[in-house]
Amino acid sequence: MTHPADRPQPAPVPLSALLPAPCVPEAPDGFYDYEDTLALTVRIAPYPGMAANDVVTVHWRTPDGLHKEPLRVPGHRVGAAVTVRMAGPYLSSATTVVHYEVEYVTGGTAVSEPLTLNDR
């Protein structure tokens, strides 16, 4: 039996460009109705070099501050979108900027383009 440490590991992913911005299905045009919205879904498409145990951290910035939501990618979700629900106190009637950061299990980090959300 091969020990996990003896298996070849993938090479770190080159980090020369920003990853694509996340999307929020409830705000496809960048706008949502703050008064009628209980939660928003941040969806991150599969990214180059995605691997089990990568850590994806969603950064959600409003005028009230920054909230970070780290998520570990489970092995069975490699190649699938990563999603997180942002609700309640994290929603704002003011401009909100969302981006994510990937800490690759193989080493290195990458950051996404930002997505700006506004109340209608």
PDB file of N, CA and C in Angstrom:
ATOM      1  N   MET A   1       0.837  -1.174   0.000  1.00  0.00           N
ATOM      2  CA  MET A   1       0.000   0.000   0.000  1.00  0.00           C
ATOM      3  C   MET A   1       0.884   1.241   0.000  1.00  0.00           C
ATOM      4  N   THR A   2       0.539   2.208  -0.840  1.00  0.00           N
ATOM      5  CA  THR A   2       1.312   3.434  -0.940  1.00  0.00           C
ATOM      6  C   THR A   2       0.863   4.423   0.125  1.00  0.00           C
ATOM      7  N   HIS A   3       1.808   4.976   0.825  1.00  0.00           N
ATOM      8  CA  HIS A   3       1.518   5.996   1.832  1.00  0.00           C
ATOM      9  C   HIS A   3       1.181   7.305   1.105  1.00  0.00           C
ATOM     10  N   PRO A   4       0.169   8.070   1.584  1.00  0.00           N
ATOM     11  CA  PRO A   4      -0.216   9.311   0.901  1.00  0.00           C
ATOM     12  C   PRO A   4       0.951  10.258   0.650  1.00  0.00           C
ATOM     13  N   ALA A   5       1.906  10.323   1.550  1.00  0.00           N
ATOM     14  CA  ALA A   5       3.046  11.221   1.373  1.00  0.00           C
ATOM     15  C   ALA A   5       3.957  10.766   0.239  1.00  0.00           C
ATOM     16  N   ASP A   6       3.878   9.467  -0.150  1.00  0.00           N
ATOM     17  CA  ASP A   6       4.711   8.936  -1.218  1.00  0.00           C
ATOM     18  C   ASP A   6       4.102   9.155  -2.601  1.00  0.00           C
ATOM     19  N   ARG A   7       2.841   9.521  -2.648  1.00  0.00           N
ATOM     20  CA  ARG A   7       2.187   9.743  -3.938  1.00  0.00           C
ATOM     21  C   ARG A   7       2.686  11.042  -4.554  1.00  0.00           C
ATOM     22  N   PRO A   8       2.781  11.092  -5.881  1.00  0.00           N
ATOM     23  CA  PRO A   8       3.180  12.357  -6.511  1.00  0.00           C
ATOM     24  C   PRO A   8       2.139  13.435  -6.234  1.00  0.00           C
ATOM     25  N   GLN A   9       2.594  14.619  -5.952  1.00  0.00           N
ATOM     26  CA  GLN A   9       1.702  15.743  -5.686  1.00  0.00           C
ATOM     27  C   GLN A   9       1.663  16.651  -6.912  1.00  0.00           C
ATOM     28  N   PRO A  10       0.485  17.228  -7.212  1.00  0.00           N
ATOM     29  CA  PRO A  10       0.426  18.145  -8.344  1.00  0.00           C
ATOM     30  C   PRO A  10       1.291  19.379  -8.088  1.00  0.00           C
ATOM     31  N   ALA A  11       1.797  19.936  -9.172  1.00  0.00           N
ATOM     32  CA  ALA A  11       2.625  21.141  -9.063  1.00  0.00           C
ATOM     33  C   ALA A  11       1.752  22.327  -8.691  1.00  0.00           C
ATOM     34  N   PRO A  12       2.324  23.311  -7.993  1.00  0.00           N
ATOM     35  CA  PRO A  12       1.548  24.513  -7.680  1.00  0.00           C
ATOM     36  C   PRO A  12       1.041  25.177  -8.959  1.00  0.00           C
ATOM     37  N   VAL A  13      -0.115  25.783  -8.871  1.00  0.00           N
ATOM     38  CA  VAL A  13      -0.731  26.445 -10.014  1.00  0.00           C
ATOM     39  C   VAL A  13      -0.090  27.815 -10.198  1.00  0.00           C
ATOM     40  N   PRO A  14       0.265  28.191 -11.458  1.00  0.00           N
ATOM     41  CA  PRO A  14       0.791  29.540 -11.670  1.00  0.00           C
ATOM     42  C   PRO A  14      -0.269  30.576 -11.304  1.00  0.00           C
ATOM     43  N   LEU A  15       0.139  31.631 -10.659  1.00  0.00           N
ATOM     44  CA  LEU A  15      -0.817  32.611 -10.143  1.00  0.00           C
ATOM     45  C   LEU A  15      -0.623  33.971 -10.816  1.00  0.00           C
ATOM     46  N   SER A  16      -0.542  33.968 -12.146  1.00  0.00           N
ATOM     47  CA  SER A  16      -0.245  35.202 -12.858  1.00  0.00           C
ATOM     48  C   SER A  16      -1.467  36.086 -13.087  1.00  0.00           C
ATOM     49  N   ALA A  17      -2.664  35.537 -12.987  1.00  0.00           N
ATOM     50  CA  ALA A  17      -3.861  36.319 -13.273  1.00  0.00           C
ATOM     51  C   ALA A  17      -4.888  36.141 -12.160  1.00  0.00           C
ATOM     52  N   LEU A  18      -5.804  37.083 -12.086  1.00  0.00           N
ATOM     53  CA  LEU A  18      -6.883  36.968 -11.119  1.00  0.00           C
ATOM     54  C   LEU A  18      -7.879  35.907 -11.566  1.00  0.00           C
ATOM     55  N   LEU A  19      -8.471  35.232 -10.599  1.00  0.00           N
ATOM     56  CA  LEU A  19      -9.524  34.266 -10.895  1.00  0.00           C
ATOM     57  C   LEU A  19     -10.802  35.032 -11.241  1.00  0.00           C
ATOM     58  N   PRO A  20     -11.743  34.389 -11.938  1.00  0.00           N
ATOM     59  CA  PRO A  20     -12.999  35.080 -12.260  1.00  0.00           C
ATOM     60  C   PRO A  20     -13.759  35.469 -10.994  1.00  0.00           C
ATOM     61  N   ALA A  21     -14.510  36.543 -11.090  1.00  0.00           N
ATOM     62  CA  ALA A  21     -15.327  36.999  -9.960  1.00  0.00           C
ATOM     63  C   ALA A  21     -16.362  35.937  -9.614  1.00  0.00           C
ATOM     64  N   PRO A  22     -16.780  35.894  -8.355  1.00  0.00           N
ATOM     65  CA  PRO A  22     -17.885  34.998  -7.994  1.00  0.00           C
ATOM     66  C   PRO A  22     -19.169  35.526  -8.629  1.00  0.00           C
ATOM     67  N   CYS A  23     -20.209  34.722  -8.590  1.00  0.00           N
ATOM     68  CA  CYS A  23     -21.515  35.223  -9.036  1.00  0.00           C
ATOM     69  C   CYS A  23     -22.510  35.053  -7.902  1.00  0.00           C
ATOM     70  N   VAL A  24     -23.553  35.852  -7.956  1.00  0.00           N
ATOM     71  CA  VAL A  24     -24.645  35.789  -6.984  1.00  0.00           C
ATOM     72  C   VAL A  24     -25.921  35.638  -7.799  1.00  0.00           C
ATOM     73  N   PRO A  25     -26.465  34.415  -7.882  1.00  0.00           N
ATOM     74  CA  PRO A  25     -27.633  34.173  -8.731  1.00  0.00           C
ATOM     75  C   PRO A  25     -28.827  35.082  -8.429  1.00  0.00           C
ATOM     76  N   GLU A  26     -28.983  35.492  -7.181  1.00  0.00           N
ATOM     77  CA  GLU A  26     -30.098  36.362  -6.810  1.00  0.00           C
ATOM     78  C   GLU A  26     -29.887  37.804  -7.280  1.00  0.00           C
ATOM     79  N   ALA A  27     -28.699  38.120  -7.776  1.00  0.00           N
ATOM     80  CA  ALA A  27     -28.375  39.469  -8.255  1.00  0.00           C
ATOM     81  C   ALA A  27     -27.592  39.371  -9.562  1.00  0.00           C
ATOM     82  N   PRO A  28     -28.208  38.803 -10.618  1.00  0.00           N
ATOM     83  CA  PRO A  28     -27.462  38.563 -11.860  1.00  0.00           C
ATOM     84  C   PRO A  28     -26.937  39.832 -12.521  1.00  0.00           C
ATOM     85  N   ASP A  29     -27.588  40.954 -12.280  1.00  0.00           N
ATOM     86  CA  ASP A  29     -27.141  42.220 -12.856  1.00  0.00           C
ATOM     87  C   ASP A  29     -26.373  43.079 -11.840  1.00  0.00           C
ATOM     88  N   GLY A  30     -26.046  42.494 -10.667  1.00  0.00           N
ATOM     89  CA  GLY A  30     -25.327  43.220  -9.631  1.00  0.00           C
ATOM     90  C   GLY A  30     -26.228  43.965  -8.662  1.00  0.00           C
ATOM     91  N   PHE A  31     -27.546  43.816  -8.843  1.00  0.00           N
ATOM     92  CA  PHE A  31     -28.504  44.492  -7.969  1.00  0.00           C
ATOM     93  C   PHE A  31     -29.435  43.475  -7.324  1.00  0.00           C
ATOM     94  N   TYR A  32     -29.817  43.747  -6.097  1.00  0.00           N
ATOM     95  CA  TYR A  32     -30.811  42.913  -5.401  1.00  0.00           C
ATOM     96  C   TYR A  32     -31.668  43.827  -4.534  1.00  0.00           C
ATOM     97  N   ASP A  33     -32.820  43.318  -4.124  1.00  0.00           N
ATOM     98  CA  ASP A  33     -33.741  44.106  -3.310  1.00  0.00           C
ATOM     99  C   ASP A  33     -33.467  43.799  -1.838  1.00  0.00           C
ATOM    100  N   TYR A  34     -32.756  44.693  -1.190  1.00  0.00           N
ATOM    101  CA  TYR A  34     -32.352  44.503   0.204  1.00  0.00           C
ATOM    102  C   TYR A  34     -33.552  44.246   1.110  1.00  0.00           C
ATOM    103  N   GLU A  35     -34.646  44.963   0.891  1.00  0.00           N
ATOM    104  CA  GLU A  35     -35.833  44.837   1.741  1.00  0.00           C
ATOM    105  C   GLU A  35     -36.466  43.444   1.663  1.00  0.00           C
ATOM    106  N   ASP A  36     -36.369  42.796   0.499  1.00  0.00           N
ATOM    107  CA  ASP A  36     -37.038  41.504   0.289  1.00  0.00           C
ATOM    108  C   ASP A  36     -36.093  40.305   0.281  1.00  0.00           C
ATOM    109  N   THR A  37     -34.821  40.507   0.575  1.00  0.00           N
ATOM    110  CA  THR A  37     -33.839  39.432   0.478  1.00  0.00           C
ATOM    111  C   THR A  37     -33.415  38.963   1.864  1.00  0.00           C
ATOM    112  N   LEU A  38     -33.583  37.675   2.126  1.00  0.00           N
ATOM    113  CA  LEU A  38     -33.165  37.107   3.408  1.00  0.00           C
ATOM    114  C   LEU A  38     -31.734  36.591   3.361  1.00  0.00           C
ATOM    115  N   ALA A  39     -31.293  36.154   2.160  1.00  0.00           N
ATOM    116  CA  ALA A  39     -29.936  35.622   2.010  1.00  0.00           C
ATOM    117  C   ALA A  39     -29.529  35.712   0.544  1.00  0.00           C
ATOM    118  N   LEU A  40     -28.234  35.740   0.323  1.00  0.00           N
ATOM    119  CA  LEU A  40     -27.677  35.703  -1.029  1.00  0.00           C
ATOM    120  C   LEU A  40     -26.715  34.530  -1.111  1.00  0.00           C
ATOM    121  N   THR A  41     -26.669  33.910  -2.267  1.00  0.00           N
ATOM    122  CA  THR A  41     -25.775  32.780  -2.502  1.00  0.00           C
ATOM    123  C   THR A  41     -24.560  33.261  -3.287  1.00  0.00           C
ATOM    124  N   VAL A  42     -23.374  33.061  -2.752  1.00  0.00           N
ATOM    125  CA  VAL A  42     -22.145  33.353  -3.479  1.00  0.00           C
ATOM    126  C   VAL A  42     -21.706  32.040  -4.128  1.00  0.00           C
ATOM    127  N   ARG A  43     -21.594  32.050  -5.450  1.00  0.00           N
ATOM    128  CA  ARG A  43     -21.227  30.845  -6.204  1.00  0.00           C
ATOM    129  C   ARG A  43     -19.869  31.079  -6.860  1.00  0.00           C
ATOM    130  N   ILE A  44     -18.959  30.152  -6.604  1.00  0.00           N
ATOM    131  CA  ILE A  44     -17.610  30.217  -7.158  1.00  0.00           C
ATOM    132  C   ILE A  44     -17.451  29.033  -8.101  1.00  0.00           C
ATOM    133  N   ALA A  45     -17.212  29.328  -9.364  1.00  0.00           N
ATOM    134  CA  ALA A  45     -17.050  28.276 -10.367  1.00  0.00           C
ATOM    135  C   ALA A  45     -15.771  27.485 -10.079  1.00  0.00           C
ATOM    136  N   PRO A  46     -15.713  26.229 -10.549  1.00  0.00           N
ATOM    137  CA  PRO A  46     -14.459  25.478 -10.409  1.00  0.00           C
ATOM    138  C   PRO A  46     -13.308  26.302 -10.999  1.00  0.00           C
ATOM    139  N   TYR A  47     -12.185  26.291 -10.349  1.00  0.00           N
ATOM    140  CA  TYR A  47     -11.045  27.123 -10.741  1.00  0.00           C
ATOM    141  C   TYR A  47      -9.868  26.229 -11.130  1.00  0.00           C
ATOM    142  N   PRO A  48      -8.917  26.759 -11.903  1.00  0.00           N
ATOM    143  CA  PRO A  48      -7.761  25.964 -12.321  1.00  0.00           C
ATOM    144  C   PRO A  48      -6.989  25.428 -11.114  1.00  0.00           C
ATOM    145  N   GLY A  49      -6.627  24.162 -11.168  1.00  0.00           N
ATOM    146  CA  GLY A  49      -5.842  23.551 -10.099  1.00  0.00           C
ATOM    147  C   GLY A  49      -6.635  23.172  -8.872  1.00  0.00           C
ATOM    148  N   MET A  50      -7.966  23.209  -8.944  1.00  0.00           N
ATOM    149  CA  MET A  50      -8.808  22.878  -7.789  1.00  0.00           C
ATOM    150  C   MET A  50      -8.464  21.488  -7.274  1.00  0.00           C
ATOM    151  N   ALA A  51      -8.295  21.368  -5.968  1.00  0.00           N
ATOM    152  CA  ALA A  51      -7.933  20.085  -5.363  1.00  0.00           C
ATOM    153  C   ALA A  51      -8.602  19.935  -4.002  1.00  0.00           C
ATOM    154  N   ALA A  52      -8.733  18.688  -3.587  1.00  0.00           N
ATOM    155  CA  ALA A  52      -9.270  18.410  -2.252  1.00  0.00           C
ATOM    156  C   ALA A  52      -8.413  19.112  -1.208  1.00  0.00           C
ATOM    157  N   ASN A  53      -9.073  19.696  -0.233  1.00  0.00           N
ATOM    158  CA  ASN A  53      -8.462  20.395   0.896  1.00  0.00           C
ATOM    159  C   ASN A  53      -7.934  21.788   0.581  1.00  0.00           C
ATOM    160  N   ASP A  54      -8.168  22.297  -0.645  1.00  0.00           N
ATOM    161  CA  ASP A  54      -7.934  23.719  -0.872  1.00  0.00           C
ATOM    162  C   ASP A  54      -8.845  24.463   0.102  1.00  0.00           C
ATOM    163  N   VAL A  55      -8.445  25.661   0.498  1.00  0.00           N
ATOM    164  CA  VAL A  55      -9.301  26.493   1.328  1.00  0.00           C
ATOM    165  C   VAL A  55      -9.721  27.705   0.495  1.00  0.00           C
ATOM    166  N   VAL A  56     -11.028  27.858   0.328  1.00  0.00           N
ATOM    167  CA  VAL A  56     -11.602  28.985  -0.399  1.00  0.00           C
ATOM    168  C   VAL A  56     -12.217  29.910   0.651  1.00  0.00           C
ATOM    169  N   THR A  57     -11.753  31.152   0.685  1.00  0.00           N
ATOM    170  CA  THR A  57     -12.277  32.120   1.650  1.00  0.00           C
ATOM    171  C   THR A  57     -13.035  33.206   0.907  1.00  0.00           C
ATOM    172  N   VAL A  58     -14.324  33.331   1.220  1.00  0.00           N
ATOM    173  CA  VAL A  58     -15.155  34.387   0.639  1.00  0.00           C
ATOM    174  C   VAL A  58     -14.982  35.636   1.499  1.00  0.00           C
ATOM    175  N   HIS A  59     -14.680  36.754   0.849  1.00  0.00           N
ATOM    176  CA  HIS A  59     -14.538  38.054   1.516  1.00  0.00           C
ATOM    177  C   HIS A  59     -15.753  38.891   1.139  1.00  0.00           C
ATOM    178  N   TRP A  60     -16.502  39.331   2.140  1.00  0.00           N
ATOM    179  CA  TRP A  60     -17.762  40.049   1.957  1.00  0.00           C
ATOM    180  C   TRP A  60     -17.621  41.390   2.660  1.00  0.00           C
ATOM    181  N   ARG A  61     -17.409  42.477   1.885  1.00  0.00           N
ATOM    182  CA  ARG A  61     -17.147  43.792   2.493  1.00  0.00           C
ATOM    183  C   ARG A  61     -18.336  44.733   2.300  1.00  0.00           C
ATOM    184  N   THR A  62     -18.817  45.270   3.424  1.00  0.00           N
ATOM    185  CA  THR A  62     -19.867  46.293   3.433  1.00  0.00           C
ATOM    186  C   THR A  62     -19.305  47.512   4.168  1.00  0.00           C
ATOM    187  N   PRO A  63     -20.034  48.628   4.180  1.00  0.00           N
ATOM    188  CA  PRO A  63     -19.555  49.777   4.961  1.00  0.00           C
ATOM    189  C   PRO A  63     -19.382  49.454   6.447  1.00  0.00           C
ATOM    190  N   ASP A  64     -20.052  48.399   6.922  1.00  0.00           N
ATOM    191  CA  ASP A  64     -19.941  48.016   8.334  1.00  0.00           C
ATOM    192  C   ASP A  64     -18.711  47.178   8.640  1.00  0.00           C
ATOM    193  N   GLY A  65     -18.000  46.731   7.613  1.00  0.00           N
ATOM    194  CA  GLY A  65     -16.803  45.947   7.854  1.00  0.00           C
ATOM    195  C   GLY A  65     -16.642  44.789   6.887  1.00  0.00           C
ATOM    196  N   LEU A  66     -15.706  43.918   7.214  1.00  0.00           N
ATOM    197  CA  LEU A  66     -15.369  42.769   6.376  1.00  0.00           C
ATOM    198  C   LEU A  66     -15.706  41.482   7.112  1.00  0.00           C
ATOM    199  N   HIS A  67     -16.384  40.574   6.406  1.00  0.00           N
ATOM    200  CA  HIS A  67     -16.663  39.242   6.930  1.00  0.00           C
ATOM    201  C   HIS A  67     -15.942  38.243   6.032  1.00  0.00           C
ATOM    202  N   LYS A  68     -15.265  37.279   6.627  1.00  0.00           N
ATOM    203  CA  LYS A  68     -14.575  36.233   5.873  1.00  0.00           C
ATOM    204  C   LYS A  68     -15.190  34.893   6.221  1.00  0.00           C
ATOM    205  N   GLU A  69     -15.464  34.102   5.196  1.00  0.00           N
ATOM    206  CA  GLU A  69     -16.069  32.784   5.376  1.00  0.00           C
ATOM    207  C   GLU A  69     -15.174  31.742   4.698  1.00  0.00           C
ATOM    208  N   PRO A  70     -14.312  31.045   5.458  1.00  0.00           N
ATOM    209  CA  PRO A  70     -13.442  30.026   4.858  1.00  0.00           C
ATOM    210  C   PRO A  70     -14.181  28.690   4.684  1.00  0.00           C
ATOM    211  N   LEU A  71     -13.911  28.033   3.576  1.00  0.00           N
ATOM    212  CA  LEU A  71     -14.508  26.732   3.269  1.00  0.00           C
ATOM    213  C   LEU A  71     -13.422  25.803   2.741  1.00  0.00           C
ATOM    214  N   ARG A  72     -13.375  24.592   3.252  1.00  0.00           N
ATOM    215  CA  ARG A  72     -12.425  23.600   2.752  1.00  0.00           C
ATOM    216  C   ARG A  72     -13.120  22.792   1.656  1.00  0.00           C
ATOM    217  N   VAL A  73     -12.435  22.577   0.533  1.00  0.00           N
ATOM    218  CA  VAL A  73     -13.008  21.816  -0.581  1.00  0.00           C
ATOM    219  C   VAL A  73     -12.886  20.323  -0.278  1.00  0.00           C
ATOM    220  N   PRO A  74     -14.021  19.632  -0.117  1.00  0.00           N
ATOM    221  CA  PRO A  74     -13.956  18.183   0.108  1.00  0.00           C
ATOM    222  C   PRO A  74     -13.630  17.463  -1.202  1.00  0.00           C
ATOM    223  N   GLY A  75     -13.023  16.307  -1.104  1.00  0.00           N
ATOM    224  CA  GLY A  75     -12.608  15.554  -2.282  1.00  0.00           C
ATOM    225  C   GLY A  75     -13.718  15.306  -3.278  1.00  0.00           C
ATOM    226  N   HIS A  76     -14.916  15.011  -2.796  1.00  0.00           N
ATOM    227  CA  HIS A  76     -16.019  14.709  -3.713  1.00  0.00           C
ATOM    228  C   HIS A  76     -16.569  15.948  -4.410  1.00  0.00           C
ATOM    229  N   ARG A  77     -16.108  17.153  -4.029  1.00  0.00           N
ATOM    230  CA  ARG A  77     -16.584  18.400  -4.646  1.00  0.00           C
ATOM    231  C   ARG A  77     -15.569  19.025  -5.599  1.00  0.00           C
ATOM    232  N   VAL A  78     -14.412  18.366  -5.781  1.00  0.00           N
ATOM    233  CA  VAL A  78     -13.422  18.884  -6.721  1.00  0.00           C
ATOM    234  C   VAL A  78     -14.052  18.899  -8.111  1.00  0.00           C
ATOM    235  N   GLY A  79     -13.948  20.022  -8.799  1.00  0.00           N
ATOM    236  CA  GLY A  79     -14.545  20.165 -10.127  1.00  0.00           C
ATOM    237  C   GLY A  79     -15.970  20.683 -10.090  1.00  0.00           C
ATOM    238  N   ALA A  80     -16.509  20.923  -8.896  1.00  0.00           N
ATOM    239  CA  ALA A  80     -17.870  21.448  -8.746  1.00  0.00           C
ATOM    240  C   ALA A  80     -17.795  22.862  -8.164  1.00  0.00           C
ATOM    241  N   ALA A  81     -18.865  23.616  -8.345  1.00  0.00           N
ATOM    242  CA  ALA A  81     -18.915  24.970  -7.798  1.00  0.00           C
ATOM    243  C   ALA A  81     -18.882  24.940  -6.268  1.00  0.00           C
ATOM    244  N   VAL A  82     -18.299  25.966  -5.694  1.00  0.00           N
ATOM    245  CA  VAL A  82     -18.292  26.174  -4.245  1.00  0.00           C
ATOM    246  C   VAL A  82     -19.350  27.239  -3.968  1.00  0.00           C
ATOM    247  N   THR A  83     -20.220  26.990  -3.003  1.00  0.00           N
ATOM    248  CA  THR A  83     -21.252  27.981  -2.676  1.00  0.00           C
ATOM    249  C   THR A  83     -21.288  28.254  -1.180  1.00  0.00           C
ATOM    250  N   VAL A  84     -21.680  29.474  -0.853  1.00  0.00           N
ATOM    251  CA  VAL A  84     -21.881  29.866   0.539  1.00  0.00           C
ATOM    252  C   VAL A  84     -23.054  30.837   0.565  1.00  0.00           C
ATOM    253  N   ARG A  85     -23.884  30.718   1.596  1.00  0.00           N
ATOM    254  CA  ARG A  85     -25.033  31.620   1.765  1.00  0.00           C
ATOM    255  C   ARG A  85     -24.647  32.717   2.738  1.00  0.00           C
ATOM    256  N   MET A  86     -24.904  33.954   2.348  1.00  0.00           N
ATOM    257  CA  MET A  86     -24.662  35.103   3.206  1.00  0.00           C
ATOM    258  C   MET A  86     -26.029  35.652   3.582  1.00  0.00           C
ATOM    259  N   ALA A  87     -26.294  35.768   4.869  1.00  0.00           N
ATOM    260  CA  ALA A  87     -27.634  36.145   5.317  1.00  0.00           C
ATOM    261  C   ALA A  87     -27.585  37.190   6.413  1.00  0.00           C
ATOM    262  N   GLY A  88     -28.794  37.636   6.769  1.00  0.00           N
ATOM    263  CA  GLY A  88     -28.999  38.495   7.925  1.00  0.00           C
ATOM    264  C   GLY A  88     -28.068  39.675   8.027  1.00  0.00           C
ATOM    265  N   PRO A  89     -27.224  39.700   9.067  1.00  0.00           N
ATOM    266  CA  PRO A  89     -26.419  40.886   9.332  1.00  0.00           C
ATOM    267  C   PRO A  89     -25.362  41.159   8.264  1.00  0.00           C
ATOM    268  N   TYR A  90     -25.112  40.205   7.370  1.00  0.00           N
ATOM    269  CA  TYR A  90     -24.091  40.412   6.345  1.00  0.00           C
ATOM    270  C   TYR A  90     -24.634  41.129   5.120  1.00  0.00           C
ATOM    271  N   LEU A  91     -25.967  41.233   5.007  1.00  0.00           N
ATOM    272  CA  LEU A  91     -26.554  41.953   3.888  1.00  0.00           C
ATOM    273  C   LEU A  91     -26.592  43.434   4.226  1.00  0.00           C
ATOM    274  N   SER A  92     -26.502  44.260   3.185  1.00  0.00           N
ATOM    275  CA  SER A  92     -26.458  45.695   3.411  1.00  0.00           C
ATOM    276  C   SER A  92     -27.213  46.410   2.308  1.00  0.00           C
ATOM    277  N   SER A  93     -27.840  47.526   2.661  1.00  0.00           N
ATOM    278  CA  SER A  93     -28.499  48.339   1.646  1.00  0.00           C
ATOM    279  C   SER A  93     -27.483  49.208   0.912  1.00  0.00           C
ATOM    280  N   ALA A  94     -26.249  49.204   1.368  1.00  0.00           N
ATOM    281  CA  ALA A  94     -25.177  49.961   0.725  1.00  0.00           C
ATOM    282  C   ALA A  94     -24.382  49.030  -0.206  1.00  0.00           C
ATOM    283  N   THR A  95     -23.441  49.581  -0.904  1.00  0.00           N
ATOM    284  CA  THR A  95     -22.609  48.794  -1.807  1.00  0.00           C
ATOM    285  C   THR A  95     -21.848  47.720  -1.042  1.00  0.00           C
ATOM    286  N   THR A  96     -21.849  46.514  -1.598  1.00  0.00           N
ATOM    287  CA  THR A  96     -21.148  45.370  -1.029  1.00  0.00           C
ATOM    288  C   THR A  96     -20.168  44.853  -2.084  1.00  0.00           C
ATOM    289  N   VAL A  97     -18.951  44.567  -1.684  1.00  0.00           N
ATOM    290  CA  VAL A  97     -17.953  44.024  -2.609  1.00  0.00           C
ATOM    291  C   VAL A  97     -17.588  42.623  -2.133  1.00  0.00           C
ATOM    292  N   VAL A  98     -17.675  41.669  -3.066  1.00  0.00           N
ATOM    293  CA  VAL A  98     -17.416  40.263  -2.758  1.00  0.00           C
ATOM    294  C   VAL A  98     -16.276  39.771  -3.644  1.00  0.00           C
ATOM    295  N   HIS A  99     -15.328  39.085  -3.037  1.00  0.00           N
ATOM    296  CA  HIS A  99     -14.317  38.357  -3.805  1.00  0.00           C
ATOM    297  C   HIS A  99     -13.924  37.129  -3.001  1.00  0.00           C
ATOM    298  N   TYR A 100     -13.100  36.274  -3.570  1.00  0.00           N
ATOM    299  CA  TYR A 100     -12.658  35.088  -2.849  1.00  0.00           C
ATOM    300  C   TYR A 100     -11.167  34.881  -3.050  1.00  0.00           C
ATOM    301  N   GLU A 101     -10.601  34.137  -2.128  1.00  0.00           N
ATOM    302  CA  GLU A 101      -9.177  33.799  -2.177  1.00  0.00           C
ATOM    303  C   GLU A 101      -9.062  32.288  -2.066  1.00  0.00           C
ATOM    304  N   VAL A 102      -8.182  31.701  -2.851  1.00  0.00           N
ATOM    305  CA  VAL A 102      -7.936  30.263  -2.806  1.00  0.00           C
ATOM    306  C   VAL A 102      -6.544  30.028  -2.230  1.00  0.00           C
ATOM    307  N   GLU A 103      -6.474  29.215  -1.187  1.00  0.00           N
ATOM    308  CA  GLU A 103      -5.188  28.732  -0.671  1.00  0.00           C
ATOM    309  C   GLU A 103      -5.066  27.299  -1.159  1.00  0.00           C
ATOM    310  N   TYR A 104      -4.189  27.092  -2.139  1.00  0.00           N
ATOM    311  CA  TYR A 104      -4.025  25.772  -2.725  1.00  0.00           C
ATOM    312  C   TYR A 104      -3.317  24.833  -1.752  1.00  0.00           C
ATOM    313  N   VAL A 105      -3.823  23.618  -1.654  1.00  0.00           N
ATOM    314  CA  VAL A 105      -3.206  22.619  -0.789  1.00  0.00           C
ATOM    315  C   VAL A 105      -1.784  22.307  -1.278  1.00  0.00           C
ATOM    316  N   THR A 106      -1.522  22.534  -2.567  1.00  0.00           N
ATOM    317  CA  THR A 106      -0.200  22.278  -3.140  1.00  0.00           C
ATOM    318  C   THR A 106       0.744  23.455  -2.962  1.00  0.00           C
ATOM    319  N   GLY A 107       0.237  24.551  -2.391  1.00  0.00           N
ATOM    320  CA  GLY A 107       1.053  25.740  -2.159  1.00  0.00           C
ATOM    321  C   GLY A 107       0.597  26.901  -3.025  1.00  0.00           C
ATOM    322  N   GLY A 108       0.704  28.082  -2.495  1.00  0.00           N
ATOM    323  CA  GLY A 108       0.336  29.282  -3.228  1.00  0.00           C
ATOM    324  C   GLY A 108      -1.098  29.704  -2.981  1.00  0.00           C
ATOM    325  N   THR A 109      -1.378  30.929  -3.385  1.00  0.00           N
ATOM    326  CA  THR A 109      -2.725  31.477  -3.261  1.00  0.00           C
ATOM    327  C   THR A 109      -3.094  32.192  -4.550  1.00  0.00           C
ATOM    328  N   ALA A 110      -4.389  32.386  -4.746  1.00  0.00           N
ATOM    329  CA  ALA A 110      -4.904  33.158  -5.877  1.00  0.00           C
ATOM    330  C   ALA A 110      -6.112  33.936  -5.379  1.00  0.00           C
ATOM    331  N   VAL A 111      -6.351  35.087  -5.981  1.00  0.00           N
ATOM    332  CA  VAL A 111      -7.447  35.963  -5.596  1.00  0.00           C
ATOM    333  C   VAL A 111      -8.320  36.210  -6.817  1.00  0.00           C
ATOM    334  N   SER A 112      -9.612  36.395  -6.585  1.00  0.00           N
ATOM    335  CA  SER A 112     -10.545  36.639  -7.682  1.00  0.00           C
ATOM    336  C   SER A 112     -10.716  38.124  -7.960  1.00  0.00           C
ATOM    337  N   GLU A 113     -11.277  38.371  -9.115  1.00  0.00           N
ATOM    338  CA  GLU A 113     -11.789  39.706  -9.438  1.00  0.00           C
ATOM    339  C   GLU A 113     -12.915  39.997  -8.447  1.00  0.00           C
ATOM    340  N   PRO A 114     -13.183  41.247  -8.124  1.00  0.00           N
ATOM    341  CA  PRO A 114     -14.291  41.560  -7.218  1.00  0.00           C
ATOM    342  C   PRO A 114     -15.628  41.595  -7.948  1.00  0.00           C
ATOM    343  N   LEU A 115     -16.690  41.369  -7.203  1.00  0.00           N
ATOM    344  CA  LEU A 115     -18.055  41.531  -7.668  1.00  0.00           C
ATOM    345  C   LEU A 115     -18.696  42.593  -6.783  1.00  0.00           C
ATOM    346  N   THR A 116     -19.286  43.609  -7.383  1.00  0.00           N
ATOM    347  CA  THR A 116     -19.940  44.674  -6.623  1.00  0.00           C
ATOM    348  C   THR A 116     -21.445  44.468  -6.679  1.00  0.00           C
ATOM    349  N   LEU A 117     -22.075  44.498  -5.507  1.00  0.00           N
ATOM    350  CA  LEU A 117     -23.521  44.353  -5.388  1.00  0.00           C
ATOM    351  C   LEU A 117     -24.124  45.629  -4.819  1.00  0.00           C
ATOM    352  N   ASN A 118     -25.309  45.982  -5.306  1.00  0.00           N
ATOM    353  CA  ASN A 118     -26.001  47.165  -4.818  1.00  0.00           C
ATOM    354  C   ASN A 118     -27.473  46.883  -4.602  1.00  0.00           C
ATOM    355  N   ASP A 119     -28.070  47.629  -3.690  1.00  0.00           N
ATOM    356  CA  ASP A 119     -29.513  47.570  -3.474  1.00  0.00           C
ATOM    357  C   ASP A 119     -30.205  48.270  -4.643  1.00  0.00           C
ATOM    358  N   ARG A 120     -31.349  47.744  -5.050  1.00  0.00           N
ATOM    359  CA  ARG A 120     -32.105  48.378  -6.147  1.00  0.00           C
ATOM    360  C   ARG A 120     -32.644  49.713  -5.732  1.00  0.00           C
TER     361      ARG A 120
END
